[in-house]
Protein backbone atom coordinates (compact mmCIF):
# COMPACT_ATOMS: atom_id res chain seq x y z
CA MET A 1 -18.89 -17.00 -16.67
CA ALA A 2 -15.31 -15.81 -16.57
CA LYS A 3 -13.76 -15.50 -13.13
CA CYS A 4 -13.36 -11.73 -13.53
CA GLU A 5 -17.08 -11.41 -14.26
CA GLU A 6 -18.18 -13.23 -11.12
CA GLY A 7 -17.56 -10.33 -8.75
CA TYR A 8 -16.27 -10.86 -5.25
CA LEU A 9 -17.20 -14.22 -3.78
CA CYS A 10 -17.11 -14.89 -0.06
CA ASP A 11 -14.35 -17.28 0.96
CA ILE A 12 -16.61 -18.66 3.73
CA CYS A 13 -20.12 -19.06 2.28
CA GLY A 14 -19.38 -18.73 -1.44
CA GLY A 15 -22.02 -16.04 -1.91
CA ASP A 16 -21.52 -12.79 -3.78
CA VAL A 17 -20.31 -9.85 -1.69
CA GLU A 18 -22.44 -7.32 -3.50
CA HIS A 19 -21.88 -4.09 -1.57
CA ILE A 20 -18.83 -2.48 -0.02
CA PHE A 21 -20.63 -2.19 3.33
CA GLU A 22 -20.87 -6.03 3.39
CA SER A 23 -17.16 -6.48 2.65
CA ASP A 24 -14.88 -7.88 5.32
CA LEU A 25 -11.93 -7.23 3.00
CA TYR A 26 -12.66 -3.52 2.72
CA LEU A 27 -13.56 -3.22 6.41
CA ARG A 28 -10.17 -4.64 7.34
CA TYR A 29 -8.55 -2.28 4.81
CA VAL A 30 -10.24 0.90 6.09
CA ILE A 31 -9.30 0.12 9.71
CA GLY A 32 -5.67 -0.59 8.82
CA MET A 33 -5.54 -4.38 9.06
CA ILE A 34 -4.66 -4.83 5.37
CA ASP A 35 -1.92 -3.02 3.48
CA PRO A 36 -3.03 -1.47 0.16
CA GLU A 37 -0.29 -3.44 -1.59
CA THR A 38 -1.89 -6.76 -0.59
CA LEU A 39 -5.54 -5.76 -0.99
CA HIS A 40 -5.84 -7.39 -4.41
CA THR A 41 -4.38 -10.70 -3.19
CA THR A 42 -6.44 -11.03 0.00
CA LYS A 43 -9.53 -13.22 0.04
CA GLU A 44 -12.96 -11.64 0.36
CA ARG A 45 -15.79 -12.57 2.69
CA HIS A 46 -18.94 -11.06 4.06
CA ILE A 47 -18.50 -9.14 7.30
CA LEU A 48 -21.16 -11.37 8.85
CA CYS A 49 -19.16 -14.45 7.86
CA ASN A 50 -16.22 -13.21 9.95
CA LYS A 51 -17.79 -13.29 13.41
CA PRO A 52 -14.57 -12.52 15.34
CA LEU A 53 -14.51 -9.12 13.60
CA ALA A 54 -18.25 -8.54 13.04
CA GLN A 55 -19.01 -8.84 16.75
CA PHE A 56 -17.25 -5.50 17.28
CA ILE A 57 -19.68 -3.54 15.10
CA VAL A 58 -22.14 -1.94 17.48
CA HIS A 59 -24.76 0.03 15.56
CA GLU A 60 -28.54 -0.06 15.32
CA LYS A 61 -28.34 -0.68 11.55
CA PHE A 62 -26.01 -3.65 11.90
CA PRO A 63 -27.24 -6.98 13.29
CA ALA A 64 -25.68 -7.90 16.62
CA VAL A 65 -23.21 -10.75 16.19
CA VAL A 66 -22.25 -13.24 18.89
CA ASP A 67 -19.03 -15.14 18.40
CA ASP A 68 -19.03 -18.29 20.53
CA SER A 69 -15.44 -19.12 19.61
CA LEU A 70 -12.29 -18.48 21.59
CA PHE A 71 -12.43 -14.92 20.26
CA ASP A 72 -15.78 -14.08 21.92
CA LYS A 73 -15.54 -10.45 22.99
CA ARG A 74 -17.38 -11.26 26.21
CA GLN A 75 -14.24 -13.13 27.29
CA LEU A 76 -11.85 -10.29 26.46
CA ASP A 77 -10.59 -7.29 28.41
CA PRO A 78 -13.37 -4.66 28.55
CA ALA A 79 -11.01 -1.79 27.66
CA TYR A 80 -9.79 -3.67 24.59
CA VAL A 81 -13.38 -4.49 23.60
CA ALA A 82 -14.47 -0.85 23.91
CA SER A 83 -11.52 0.31 21.81
CA ARG A 84 -12.12 -2.37 19.20
CA GLU A 85 -15.86 -1.63 19.04
CA THR A 86 -15.11 2.04 18.42
CA LEU A 87 -12.61 1.32 15.64
CA VAL A 88 -14.53 -1.43 13.85
CA THR A 89 -17.85 0.42 14.05
CA ARG A 90 -16.19 3.55 12.64
CA GLY A 91 -14.76 1.39 9.86
CA TRP A 92 -18.17 -0.04 9.00
CA LEU A 93 -19.70 3.46 9.00
CA ARG A 94 -16.90 4.50 6.63
CA LEU A 95 -17.90 1.67 4.29
CA CYS A 96 -21.50 2.90 4.38
CA GLU A 97 -20.24 6.37 3.49
CA LEU A 98 -18.08 5.02 0.67
CA ALA A 99 -21.10 3.23 -0.80
CA GLN A 100 -22.60 6.70 -1.38
CA THR A 101 -19.38 8.34 -2.63
CA GLU A 102 -17.82 8.37 -6.09
CA GLY A 103 -14.45 9.41 -7.41
CA LEU A 104 -12.24 8.63 -4.43
CA SER A 105 -8.87 7.00 -4.83
CA LEU A 106 -8.53 3.64 -3.10
CA LEU A 107 -5.89 5.28 -0.91
CA GLU A 108 -8.57 7.66 0.41
CA TYR A 109 -10.85 4.86 1.65
CA PRO A 110 -9.28 4.23 5.07
CA LEU A 111 -10.05 6.10 8.25
CA PRO A 112 -8.04 9.33 8.65
CA GLU A 113 -5.60 7.90 11.20
CA VAL A 114 -4.93 4.93 8.91
CA VAL A 115 -4.27 7.24 5.94
CA GLU A 116 -1.87 9.24 8.13
CA ALA A 117 -0.08 6.08 9.26
CA MET A 118 0.30 4.95 5.63
CA ARG A 119 1.74 8.37 4.70
CA SER A 120 4.16 8.24 7.63
CA ALA A 121 5.25 4.71 6.73
CA ALA A 122 5.76 5.74 3.09
CA GLY A 123 7.85 8.73 4.22
CA ARG A 124 10.08 6.50 6.33
CA SER A 125 10.66 4.02 3.52
CA SER A 126 11.65 6.58 0.88
């Protein structure tokens, strides 16, 4: 099968990232960690394969993730953890919403504050 026909393969486990709500790449994009200009060159992985990020999704429909690495949220500042949980969970919920939505531009995928930041940055650079 041609590379372009394989879909998005996880850089960690090698499995197919079938749905946008499983995509670490798009989660990082919607929360502002990835610039739209580099989205197509950034490696894909399942959210669950990126434990340092997945541990911050706190929702009854998402499996709880424990990251026993140096990035374990239990070892981090509680205020930072609360802020990060809010952002990353909102990002994952946005992916769930996008899975049910058609016709949006890629630039409309991110959270509203990320879209606004991109517009502001574009205004400063022109």
